[in-house]
Amino acid sequence: MRKIYTRQSLWSKLINFMFFFTSSKHNSSSEEAAKKFIEKSSRLPFNEKIYKDFKRERFSNYDVYAYNGSIDSCKKKILIYVHGGNFVEHASKFLIRFAKKVAKLTDSTLLVPIYELLPNGNSQKMADFLLKLYEHVASLHDCEINLLGDSAGGGAILYLAMQIRDNNLRSPQNIVMLSPWLDLSMSNPDLYKDAKSDRMNSVDGIRYEGKLWACGLDVYSPSVSPMYGNFDNLGKMSIIFGGRGILSSECKRFDKILSDHGIEHNFFMYEKEGHDFAAYPTLEGGKAINDIVNIINCDNDGL
């Protein structure tokens, strides 16, 4: 299915305007700014309050927060949600509310893996953790498993799906990517044009964070930048993004790659929305959540 939304509500315009008064864009404005942001973020305490309705579990030396069930006891569907934040920040309350709402409306057990962030985390550590978690969950339950990720988490679940396929594990039913960061090289020149309309993100600092996350690996390796991987037999993919987000050209590029290879997928573009817009309490955010819920709740034939 392909949908392009062209309208923007007044409340969405207001929220996007308010981003002008935050430090988000400055934090990624340069390599030096990103270094300071990573150092500052690493000192912040983990905000467990946003997981007050969740059960905290330990798996493979990491925390996993479970809602509407647990790792060992789940509903008819499991939703593994991997949050974004440039591999620097933990999930915000908006992102967790977003994931909870999707879980509620799909009657899913929600699992949120808390992976290690920069400066000590890296792509290999995260990939190993997510694969172990998926393999464990898939071995325990015969129910449908869906993957949901935003931004950096969107790229992470795409590579996870590749690992699942390559290890001959049961495929996820859906791979739903919200504003996914798929190419950590940030080498697409159109990114600078996209950044002009994005009120939260800049190119140079994010490129530096991507290089750190690669931790010596080739930044063009699919394990770091899944844009360069093989997309056959992964599960049903869906891309949802805002046309004014920094990764909008990258999402369009990914859509073209899939289309050129004859790989069916869902494509939802909200022309006047920004990066990760679905997490915010706007009319458009609600529509995007409904899109995701319809994807997960529909039958195996797709939308």
C-alpha atoms as a PDB file:
ATOM      1  CA  MET A   1       0.000   0.000   0.000  1.00  0.00           C
ATOM      2  CA  ARG A   2       1.114   3.542  -0.763  1.00  0.00           C
ATOM      3  CA  LYS A   3      -0.283   6.619   0.956  1.00  0.00           C
ATOM      4  CA  ILE A   4       0.855  10.227   0.814  1.00  0.00           C
ATOM      5  CA  TYR A   5      -0.688  12.664   3.281  1.00  0.00           C
ATOM      6  CA  THR A   6      -0.478  16.327   2.262  1.00  0.00           C
ATOM      7  CA  ARG A   7      -2.281  18.201   5.046  1.00  0.00           C
ATOM      8  CA  GLN A   8      -0.969  19.422   8.377  1.00  0.00           C
ATOM      9  CA  SER A   9      -3.063  20.226  11.420  1.00  0.00           C
ATOM     10  CA  LEU A  10      -2.686  23.457  13.389  1.00  0.00           C
ATOM     11  CA  TRP A  11      -1.515  21.524  16.467  1.00  0.00           C
ATOM     12  CA  SER A  12       1.193  19.831  14.430  1.00  0.00           C
ATOM     13  CA  LYS A  13       2.360  23.202  13.120  1.00  0.00           C
ATOM     14  CA  LEU A  14       2.547  24.484  16.697  1.00  0.00           C
ATOM     15  CA  ILE A  15       4.547  21.503  17.978  1.00  0.00           C
ATOM     16  CA  ASN A  16       6.974  21.762  15.063  1.00  0.00           C
ATOM     17  CA  PHE A  17       7.386  25.484  15.769  1.00  0.00           C
ATOM     18  CA  MET A  18       8.200  24.733  19.423  1.00  0.00           C
ATOM     19  CA  PHE A  19      11.190  22.627  18.350  1.00  0.00           C
ATOM     20  CA  PHE A  20      12.886  25.922  17.422  1.00  0.00           C
ATOM     21  CA  PHE A  21      13.246  26.615  21.138  1.00  0.00           C
ATOM     22  CA  THR A  22      15.012  23.364  22.022  1.00  0.00           C
ATOM     23  CA  SER A  23      18.715  22.490  21.764  1.00  0.00           C
ATOM     24  CA  SER A  24      18.054  19.374  19.676  1.00  0.00           C
ATOM     25  CA  LYS A  25      19.338  20.732  16.370  1.00  0.00           C
ATOM     26  CA  HIS A  26      22.431  22.274  17.937  1.00  0.00           C
ATOM     27  CA  ASN A  27      23.354  18.938  19.536  1.00  0.00           C
ATOM     28  CA  SER A  28      24.081  17.472  16.099  1.00  0.00           C
ATOM     29  CA  SER A  29      25.251  20.649  14.355  1.00  0.00           C
ATOM     30  CA  SER A  30      28.912  19.598  14.290  1.00  0.00           C
ATOM     31  CA  GLU A  31      31.271  16.842  15.369  1.00  0.00           C
ATOM     32  CA  GLU A  32      32.301  18.895  18.400  1.00  0.00           C
ATOM     33  CA  ALA A  33      28.673  19.503  19.402  1.00  0.00           C
ATOM     34  CA  ALA A  34      27.952  15.777  19.071  1.00  0.00           C
ATOM     35  CA  LYS A  35      30.954  14.918  21.282  1.00  0.00           C
ATOM     36  CA  LYS A  36      29.647  17.229  24.002  1.00  0.00           C
ATOM     37  CA  PHE A  37      26.130  15.834  23.650  1.00  0.00           C
ATOM     38  CA  ILE A  38      27.327  12.235  23.951  1.00  0.00           C
ATOM     39  CA  GLU A  39      29.343  13.087  27.053  1.00  0.00           C
ATOM     40  CA  LYS A  40      26.429  14.983  28.616  1.00  0.00           C
ATOM     41  CA  SER A  41      23.868  12.283  27.784  1.00  0.00           C
ATOM     42  CA  SER A  42      26.058   9.511  29.204  1.00  0.00           C
ATOM     43  CA  ARG A  43      25.874  11.186  32.629  1.00  0.00           C
ATOM     44  CA  LEU A  44      22.083  11.407  32.721  1.00  0.00           C
ATOM     45  CA  PRO A  45      20.241   8.877  34.904  1.00  0.00           C
ATOM     46  CA  PHE A  46      17.940   6.350  33.260  1.00  0.00           C
ATOM     47  CA  ASN A  47      14.325   7.538  33.528  1.00  0.00           C
ATOM     48  CA  GLU A  48      12.512   4.459  34.773  1.00  0.00           C
ATOM     49  CA  LYS A  49       9.353   6.476  35.495  1.00  0.00           C
ATOM     50  CA  ILE A  50       8.257   6.302  31.881  1.00  0.00           C
ATOM     51  CA  TYR A  51       8.106   2.502  32.266  1.00  0.00           C
ATOM     52  CA  LYS A  52       5.824   2.547  35.313  1.00  0.00           C
ATOM     53  CA  ASP A  53       3.301   0.158  33.695  1.00  0.00           C
ATOM     54  CA  PHE A  54       6.031  -2.231  32.555  1.00  0.00           C
ATOM     55  CA  LYS A  55       7.720  -5.237  34.079  1.00  0.00           C
ATOM     56  CA  ARG A  56      11.516  -5.020  34.156  1.00  0.00           C
ATOM     57  CA  GLU A  57      13.233  -8.273  33.198  1.00  0.00           C
ATOM     58  CA  ARG A  58      16.881  -9.262  32.727  1.00  0.00           C
ATOM     59  CA  PHE A  59      18.010 -11.007  29.583  1.00  0.00           C
ATOM     60  CA  SER A  60      21.595 -11.572  28.428  1.00  0.00           C
ATOM     61  CA  ASN A  61      22.856  -8.978  30.946  1.00  0.00           C
ATOM     62  CA  TYR A  62      20.524  -6.297  29.622  1.00  0.00           C
ATOM     63  CA  ASP A  63      17.181  -4.932  30.813  1.00  0.00           C
ATOM     64  CA  VAL A  64      14.052  -5.612  28.794  1.00  0.00           C
ATOM     65  CA  TYR A  65      10.849  -3.797  29.731  1.00  0.00           C
ATOM     66  CA  ALA A  66       7.677  -5.772  29.083  1.00  0.00           C
ATOM     67  CA  TYR A  67       4.139  -4.400  28.871  1.00  0.00           C
ATOM     68  CA  ASN A  68       0.923  -6.410  28.626  1.00  0.00           C
ATOM     69  CA  GLY A  69       2.768  -9.636  29.389  1.00  0.00           C
ATOM     70  CA  SER A  70       6.385 -10.720  29.737  1.00  0.00           C
ATOM     71  CA  ILE A  71       9.147 -12.457  27.823  1.00  0.00           C
ATOM     72  CA  ASP A  72       7.888 -15.844  29.009  1.00  0.00           C
ATOM     73  CA  SER A  73       4.149 -15.103  29.009  1.00  0.00           C
ATOM     74  CA  CYS A  74       2.716 -13.178  26.087  1.00  0.00           C
ATOM     75  CA  LYS A  75      -0.440 -12.321  24.190  1.00  0.00           C
ATOM     76  CA  LYS A  76      -1.324 -13.620  20.728  1.00  0.00           C
ATOM     77  CA  LYS A  77       1.127 -11.136  19.246  1.00  0.00           C
ATOM     78  CA  ILE A  78       4.554  -9.922  20.348  1.00  0.00           C
ATOM     79  CA  LEU A  79       5.799  -6.438  19.458  1.00  0.00           C
ATOM     80  CA  ILE A  80       9.530  -5.867  19.844  1.00  0.00           C
ATOM     81  CA  TYR A  81      10.135  -2.127  19.819  1.00  0.00           C
ATOM     82  CA  VAL A  82      13.645  -0.692  19.344  1.00  0.00           C
ATOM     83  CA  HIS A  83      13.822   3.015  20.053  1.00  0.00           C
ATOM     84  CA  GLY A  84      15.881   5.655  18.282  1.00  0.00           C
ATOM     85  CA  GLY A  85      17.889   8.593  19.567  1.00  0.00           C
ATOM     86  CA  ASN A  86      21.078   8.511  17.440  1.00  0.00           C
ATOM     87  CA  PHE A  87      22.406   5.727  19.702  1.00  0.00           C
ATOM     88  CA  VAL A  88      22.990   8.503  22.246  1.00  0.00           C
ATOM     89  CA  GLU A  89      19.683   8.982  24.066  1.00  0.00           C
ATOM     90  CA  HIS A  90      17.313   6.607  25.797  1.00  0.00           C
ATOM     91  CA  ALA A  91      13.694   6.535  24.668  1.00  0.00           C
ATOM     92  CA  SER A  92      11.628   9.596  25.526  1.00  0.00           C
ATOM     93  CA  LYS A  93       8.240   9.436  27.210  1.00  0.00           C
ATOM     94  CA  PHE A  94       6.666  10.257  23.846  1.00  0.00           C
ATOM     95  CA  LEU A  95       8.275   7.250  22.169  1.00  0.00           C
ATOM     96  CA  ILE A  96       7.236   4.877  24.953  1.00  0.00           C
ATOM     97  CA  ARG A  97       3.657   6.201  24.895  1.00  0.00           C
ATOM     98  CA  PHE A  98       3.672   5.702  21.120  1.00  0.00           C
ATOM     99  CA  ALA A  99       4.844   2.083  21.411  1.00  0.00           C
ATOM    100  CA  LYS A 100       2.380   1.356  24.231  1.00  0.00           C
ATOM    101  CA  LYS A 101      -0.507   2.660  22.172  1.00  0.00           C
ATOM    102  CA  VAL A 102       0.427   0.429  19.252  1.00  0.00           C
ATOM    103  CA  ALA A 103       0.666  -2.551  21.628  1.00  0.00           C
ATOM    104  CA  LYS A 104      -2.725  -1.807  23.169  1.00  0.00           C
ATOM    105  CA  LEU A 105      -4.493  -1.429  19.839  1.00  0.00           C
ATOM    106  CA  THR A 106      -2.969  -4.627  18.469  1.00  0.00           C
ATOM    107  CA  ASP A 107      -3.396  -6.603  21.719  1.00  0.00           C
ATOM    108  CA  SER A 108       0.324  -7.317  21.727  1.00  0.00           C
ATOM    109  CA  THR A 109       2.875  -7.975  24.422  1.00  0.00           C
ATOM    110  CA  LEU A 110       5.370  -5.136  24.072  1.00  0.00           C
ATOM    111  CA  LEU A 111       9.068  -5.799  24.662  1.00  0.00           C
ATOM    112  CA  VAL A 112      11.458  -2.838  24.823  1.00  0.00           C
ATOM    113  CA  PRO A 113      15.128  -3.909  24.908  1.00  0.00           C
ATOM    114  CA  ILE A 114      17.409  -1.400  26.651  1.00  0.00           C
ATOM    115  CA  TYR A 115      20.579  -1.555  24.608  1.00  0.00           C
ATOM    116  CA  GLU A 116      23.889   0.064  25.533  1.00  0.00           C
ATOM    117  CA  LEU A 117      24.358   3.576  24.125  1.00  0.00           C
ATOM    118  CA  LEU A 118      27.400   5.580  23.079  1.00  0.00           C
ATOM    119  CA  PRO A 119      30.157   6.008  24.087  1.00  0.00           C
ATOM    120  CA  ASN A 120      30.409   2.346  25.186  1.00  0.00           C
ATOM    121  CA  GLY A 121      27.724   0.756  23.008  1.00  0.00           C
ATOM    122  CA  ASN A 122      28.265  -0.145  19.368  1.00  0.00           C
ATOM    123  CA  SER A 123      26.578  -1.793  16.413  1.00  0.00           C
ATOM    124  CA  GLN A 124      27.933  -5.295  17.078  1.00  0.00           C
ATOM    125  CA  LYS A 125      26.889  -5.352  20.738  1.00  0.00           C
ATOM    126  CA  MET A 126      23.388  -4.207  19.826  1.00  0.00           C
ATOM    127  CA  ALA A 127      23.023  -6.684  16.953  1.00  0.00           C
ATOM    128  CA  ASP A 128      24.105  -9.603  19.144  1.00  0.00           C
ATOM    129  CA  PHE A 129      21.688  -8.624  21.928  1.00  0.00           C
ATOM    130  CA  LEU A 130      18.681  -8.160  19.661  1.00  0.00           C
ATOM    131  CA  LEU A 131      19.274 -11.435  17.839  1.00  0.00           C
ATOM    132  CA  LYS A 132      19.583 -13.368  21.115  1.00  0.00           C
ATOM    133  CA  LEU A 133      16.368 -11.799  22.390  1.00  0.00           C
ATOM    134  CA  TYR A 134      14.462 -12.564  19.186  1.00  0.00           C
ATOM    135  CA  GLU A 135      15.756 -16.134  19.039  1.00  0.00           C
ATOM    136  CA  HIS A 136      14.728 -16.717  22.660  1.00  0.00           C
ATOM    137  CA  VAL A 137      11.245 -15.255  22.193  1.00  0.00           C
ATOM    138  CA  ALA A 138      10.681 -17.153  18.935  1.00  0.00           C
ATOM    139  CA  SER A 139      11.727 -20.419  20.587  1.00  0.00           C
ATOM    140  CA  LEU A 140       9.248 -19.927  23.446  1.00  0.00           C
ATOM    141  CA  HIS A 141       6.184 -18.782  21.527  1.00  0.00           C
ATOM    142  CA  ASP A 142       4.454 -19.763  18.298  1.00  0.00           C
ATOM    143  CA  CYS A 143       2.612 -16.461  18.100  1.00  0.00           C
ATOM    144  CA  GLU A 144       3.138 -13.677  15.576  1.00  0.00           C
ATOM    145  CA  ILE A 145       6.166 -11.465  16.183  1.00  0.00           C
ATOM    146  CA  ASN A 146       6.299  -7.914  14.832  1.00  0.00           C
ATOM    147  CA  LEU A 147       9.264  -5.538  14.804  1.00  0.00           C
ATOM    148  CA  LEU A 148       8.813  -1.803  15.312  1.00  0.00           C
ATOM    149  CA  GLY A 149      11.602   0.761  15.348  1.00  0.00           C
ATOM    150  CA  ASP A 150      12.048   4.489  14.912  1.00  0.00           C
ATOM    151  CA  SER A 151      15.061   6.352  13.518  1.00  0.00           C
ATOM    152  CA  ALA A 152      18.199   4.503  14.698  1.00  0.00           C
ATOM    153  CA  GLY A 153      15.906   1.740  15.964  1.00  0.00           C
ATOM    154  CA  GLY A 154      14.327   1.504  12.519  1.00  0.00           C
ATOM    155  CA  GLY A 155      17.675   0.649  10.989  1.00  0.00           C
ATOM    156  CA  ALA A 156      18.436  -1.751  13.826  1.00  0.00           C
ATOM    157  CA  ILE A 157      15.295  -3.823  13.242  1.00  0.00           C
ATOM    158  CA  LEU A 158      16.000  -4.015   9.519  1.00  0.00           C
ATOM    159  CA  TYR A 159      19.419  -5.523  10.175  1.00  0.00           C
ATOM    160  CA  LEU A 160      17.863  -7.754  12.844  1.00  0.00           C
ATOM    161  CA  ALA A 161      15.491  -9.085  10.176  1.00  0.00           C
ATOM    162  CA  MET A 162      18.504  -9.868   7.978  1.00  0.00           C
ATOM    163  CA  GLN A 163      20.148 -11.765  10.833  1.00  0.00           C
ATOM    164  CA  ILE A 164      16.914 -13.673  11.480  1.00  0.00           C
ATOM    165  CA  ARG A 165      16.785 -14.757   7.839  1.00  0.00           C
ATOM    166  CA  ASP A 166      20.480 -15.636   7.670  1.00  0.00           C
ATOM    167  CA  ASN A 167      20.187 -17.767  10.820  1.00  0.00           C
ATOM    168  CA  ASN A 168      17.127 -19.598   9.453  1.00  0.00           C
ATOM    169  CA  LEU A 169      14.865 -18.389  12.252  1.00  0.00           C
ATOM    170  CA  ARG A 170      11.135 -17.805  11.925  1.00  0.00           C
ATOM    171  CA  SER A 171      10.561 -14.509  10.119  1.00  0.00           C
ATOM    172  CA  PRO A 172       8.802 -11.593  11.785  1.00  0.00           C
ATOM    173  CA  GLN A 173       5.341 -10.903  10.434  1.00  0.00           C
ATOM    174  CA  ASN A 174       6.033  -7.196  10.000  1.00  0.00           C
ATOM    175  CA  ILE A 175       9.032  -4.874  10.049  1.00  0.00           C
ATOM    176  CA  VAL A 176       7.595  -1.400  10.664  1.00  0.00           C
ATOM    177  CA  MET A 177      10.118   1.422  10.346  1.00  0.00           C
ATOM    178  CA  LEU A 178       9.314   4.985  11.410  1.00  0.00           C
ATOM    179  CA  SER A 179      11.745   7.547   9.924  1.00  0.00           C
ATOM    180  CA  PRO A 180      14.460   4.853   9.801  1.00  0.00           C
ATOM    181  CA  TRP A 181      18.180   5.670   9.833  1.00  0.00           C
ATOM    182  CA  LEU A 182      19.404   3.120   7.295  1.00  0.00           C
ATOM    183  CA  ASP A 183      22.708   4.563   6.067  1.00  0.00           C
ATOM    184  CA  LEU A 184      24.994   5.705   8.877  1.00  0.00           C
ATOM    185  CA  SER A 185      27.550   7.050   6.405  1.00  0.00           C
ATOM    186  CA  MET A 186      25.255  10.074   5.910  1.00  0.00           C
ATOM    187  CA  SER A 187      26.886  10.397   2.483  1.00  0.00           C
ATOM    188  CA  ASN A 188      23.742  11.323   0.554  1.00  0.00           C
ATOM    189  CA  PRO A 189      24.153  15.010  -0.454  1.00  0.00           C
ATOM    190  CA  ASP A 190      20.382  15.489  -0.292  1.00  0.00           C
ATOM    191  CA  LEU A 191      20.614  15.175   3.502  1.00  0.00           C
ATOM    192  CA  TYR A 192      21.798  18.791   3.787  1.00  0.00           C
ATOM    193  CA  LYS A 193      18.722  19.953   1.902  1.00  0.00           C
ATOM    194  CA  ASP A 194      16.494  17.813   4.124  1.00  0.00           C
ATOM    195  CA  ALA A 195      18.204  19.165   7.253  1.00  0.00           C
ATOM    196  CA  LYS A 196      17.084  22.697   6.396  1.00  0.00           C
ATOM    197  CA  SER A 197      13.457  21.727   7.006  1.00  0.00           C
ATOM    198  CA  ASP A 198      14.202  19.450   9.987  1.00  0.00           C
ATOM    199  CA  ARG A 199      13.953  21.348  13.276  1.00  0.00           C
ATOM    200  CA  MET A 200      15.639  18.696  15.427  1.00  0.00           C
ATOM    201  CA  ASN A 201      18.567  17.259  13.475  1.00  0.00           C
ATOM    202  CA  SER A 202      21.707  18.276  11.575  1.00  0.00           C
ATOM    203  CA  VAL A 203      23.958  16.190   9.351  1.00  0.00           C
ATOM    204  CA  ASP A 204      27.532  16.556  10.585  1.00  0.00           C
ATOM    205  CA  GLY A 205      27.021  15.586  14.218  1.00  0.00           C
ATOM    206  CA  ILE A 206      24.841  12.629  13.321  1.00  0.00           C
ATOM    207  CA  ARG A 207      27.438  11.425  10.813  1.00  0.00           C
ATOM    208  CA  TYR A 208      30.018  11.472  13.613  1.00  0.00           C
ATOM    209  CA  GLU A 209      27.699   9.491  15.900  1.00  0.00           C
ATOM    210  CA  GLY A 210      27.217   6.920  13.145  1.00  0.00           C
ATOM    211  CA  LYS A 211      30.982   6.551  12.725  1.00  0.00           C
ATOM    212  CA  LEU A 212      31.387   5.975  16.463  1.00  0.00           C
ATOM    213  CA  TRP A 213      28.582   3.407  16.446  1.00  0.00           C
ATOM    214  CA  ALA A 214      30.325   1.455  13.665  1.00  0.00           C
ATOM    215  CA  CYS A 215      33.268   1.055  16.079  1.00  0.00           C
ATOM    216  CA  GLY A 216      35.856   0.322  13.401  1.00  0.00           C
ATOM    217  CA  LEU A 217      33.566  -1.610  11.055  1.00  0.00           C
ATOM    218  CA  ASP A 218      33.019  -0.425   7.495  1.00  0.00           C
ATOM    219  CA  VAL A 219      30.223   2.114   7.749  1.00  0.00           C
ATOM    220  CA  TYR A 220      28.853   0.735   4.455  1.00  0.00           C
ATOM    221  CA  SER A 221      28.537  -2.775   5.888  1.00  0.00           C
ATOM    222  CA  PRO A 222      24.891  -3.929   6.196  1.00  0.00           C
ATOM    223  CA  SER A 223      25.523  -4.614   9.898  1.00  0.00           C
ATOM    224  CA  VAL A 224      26.089  -0.878  10.332  1.00  0.00           C
ATOM    225  CA  SER A 225      24.081   0.560   7.433  1.00  0.00           C
ATOM    226  CA  PRO A 226      21.353  -1.917   6.426  1.00  0.00           C
ATOM    227  CA  MET A 227      20.554   0.179   3.346  1.00  0.00           C
ATOM    228  CA  TYR A 228      23.357  -1.835   1.691  1.00  0.00           C
ATOM    229  CA  GLY A 229      21.989  -5.269   2.600  1.00  0.00           C
ATOM    230  CA  ASN A 230      19.891  -7.899   0.862  1.00  0.00           C
ATOM    231  CA  PHE A 231      16.157  -7.423   1.416  1.00  0.00           C
ATOM    232  CA  ASP A 232      14.806 -10.726   0.123  1.00  0.00           C
ATOM    233  CA  ASN A 233      12.680 -12.897   2.435  1.00  0.00           C
ATOM    234  CA  LEU A 234      12.752 -10.632   5.483  1.00  0.00           C
ATOM    235  CA  GLY A 235       9.054 -10.251   6.257  1.00  0.00           C
ATOM    236  CA  LYS A 236       6.600  -7.536   5.271  1.00  0.00           C
ATOM    237  CA  MET A 237       8.295  -4.147   5.389  1.00  0.00           C
ATOM    238  CA  SER A 238       6.609  -0.809   5.992  1.00  0.00           C
ATOM    239  CA  ILE A 239       8.158   2.668   5.846  1.00  0.00           C
ATOM    240  CA  ILE A 240       6.474   5.626   7.566  1.00  0.00           C
ATOM    241  CA  PHE A 241       8.132   9.040   7.560  1.00  0.00           C
ATOM    242  CA  GLY A 242       7.700  12.792   7.447  1.00  0.00           C
ATOM    243  CA  GLY A 243       8.608  14.710   4.305  1.00  0.00           C
ATOM    244  CA  ARG A 244      10.288  17.437   6.368  1.00  0.00           C
ATOM    245  CA  GLY A 245      12.504  15.091   8.357  1.00  0.00           C
ATOM    246  CA  ILE A 246      16.247  14.834   7.867  1.00  0.00           C
ATOM    247  CA  LEU A 247      15.934  11.258   6.570  1.00  0.00           C
ATOM    248  CA  SER A 248      13.108  11.844   4.092  1.00  0.00           C
ATOM    249  CA  SER A 249      15.357  11.481   1.018  1.00  0.00           C
ATOM    250  CA  GLU A 250      16.850   8.318   2.511  1.00  0.00           C
ATOM    251  CA  CYS A 251      13.387   6.837   3.024  1.00  0.00           C
ATOM    252  CA  LYS A 252      12.503   7.620  -0.587  1.00  0.00           C
ATOM    253  CA  ARG A 253      15.785   6.057  -1.683  1.00  0.00           C
ATOM    254  CA  PHE A 254      15.003   2.894   0.266  1.00  0.00           C
ATOM    255  CA  ASP A 255      11.510   2.789  -1.223  1.00  0.00           C
ATOM    256  CA  LYS A 256      13.029   2.959  -4.735  1.00  0.00           C
ATOM    257  CA  ILE A 257      15.516   0.164  -3.953  1.00  0.00           C
ATOM    258  CA  LEU A 258      12.712  -2.109  -2.770  1.00  0.00           C
ATOM    259  CA  SER A 259      10.511  -1.213  -5.750  1.00  0.00           C
ATOM    260  CA  ASP A 260      13.344  -1.744  -8.251  1.00  0.00           C
ATOM    261  CA  HIS A 261      13.902  -5.218  -6.773  1.00  0.00           C
ATOM    262  CA  GLY A 262      10.201  -6.060  -6.919  1.00  0.00           C
ATOM    263  CA  ILE A 263       9.904  -6.330  -3.133  1.00  0.00           C
ATOM    264  CA  GLU A 264       6.397  -5.560  -1.913  1.00  0.00           C
ATOM    265  CA  HIS A 265       6.212  -3.094   0.963  1.00  0.00           C
ATOM    266  CA  ASN A 266       4.031  -0.411   2.468  1.00  0.00           C
ATOM    267  CA  PHE A 267       4.927   3.265   1.997  1.00  0.00           C
ATOM    268  CA  PHE A 268       3.404   6.101   4.027  1.00  0.00           C
ATOM    269  CA  MET A 269       4.695   9.653   3.617  1.00  0.00           C
ATOM    270  CA  TYR A 270       3.363  12.598   5.594  1.00  0.00           C
ATOM    271  CA  GLU A 271       4.641  15.451   3.435  1.00  0.00           C
ATOM    272  CA  LYS A 272       4.554  18.241   6.026  1.00  0.00           C
ATOM    273  CA  GLU A 273       5.687  16.307   9.092  1.00  0.00           C
ATOM    274  CA  GLY A 274       9.140  16.062  10.602  1.00  0.00           C
ATOM    275  CA  HIS A 275      11.350  13.304  11.923  1.00  0.00           C
ATOM    276  CA  ASP A 276       9.673  10.731  14.211  1.00  0.00           C
ATOM    277  CA  PHE A 277       6.434  12.731  14.020  1.00  0.00           C
ATOM    278  CA  ALA A 278       4.245   9.737  14.932  1.00  0.00           C
ATOM    279  CA  ALA A 279       5.476   9.855  18.521  1.00  0.00           C
ATOM    280  CA  TYR A 280       3.908  13.251  19.179  1.00  0.00           C
ATOM    281  CA  PRO A 281       0.287  13.960  20.200  1.00  0.00           C
ATOM    282  CA  THR A 282      -0.985  15.376  16.924  1.00  0.00           C
ATOM    283  CA  LEU A 283      -3.681  14.429  14.443  1.00  0.00           C
ATOM    284  CA  GLU A 284      -0.985  13.207  12.078  1.00  0.00           C
ATOM    285  CA  GLY A 285       0.690  11.180  14.814  1.00  0.00           C
ATOM    286  CA  GLY A 286      -2.639   9.502  15.513  1.00  0.00           C
ATOM    287  CA  LYS A 287      -3.112   8.708  11.828  1.00  0.00           C
ATOM    288  CA  ALA A 288       0.348   7.157  11.646  1.00  0.00           C
ATOM    289  CA  ILE A 289      -0.405   5.006  14.683  1.00  0.00           C
ATOM    290  CA  ASN A 290      -3.602   3.860  12.972  1.00  0.00           C
ATOM    291  CA  ASP A 291      -1.561   3.022   9.873  1.00  0.00           C
ATOM    292  CA  ILE A 292       0.769   0.874  11.996  1.00  0.00           C
ATOM    293  CA  VAL A 293      -2.111  -0.803  13.823  1.00  0.00           C
ATOM    294  CA  ASN A 294      -3.812  -1.629  10.533  1.00  0.00           C
ATOM    295  CA  ILE A 295      -0.578  -3.118   9.202  1.00  0.00           C
ATOM    296  CA  ILE A 296      -0.181  -5.373  12.232  1.00  0.00           C
ATOM    297  CA  ASN A 297      -3.850  -6.316  12.546  1.00  0.00           C
ATOM    298  CA  CYS A 298      -4.388  -7.149   8.884  1.00  0.00           C
ATOM    299  CA  ASP A 299      -4.112 -10.694   7.541  1.00  0.00           C
ATOM    300  CA  ASN A 300      -1.033 -12.180   5.876  1.00  0.00           C
ATOM    301  CA  ASP A 301      -2.072 -10.909   2.456  1.00  0.00           C
ATOM    302  CA  GLY A 302      -1.162  -7.343   3.433  1.00  0.00           C
ATOM    303  CA  LEU A 303      -3.134  -4.138   3.365  1.00  0.00           C
END
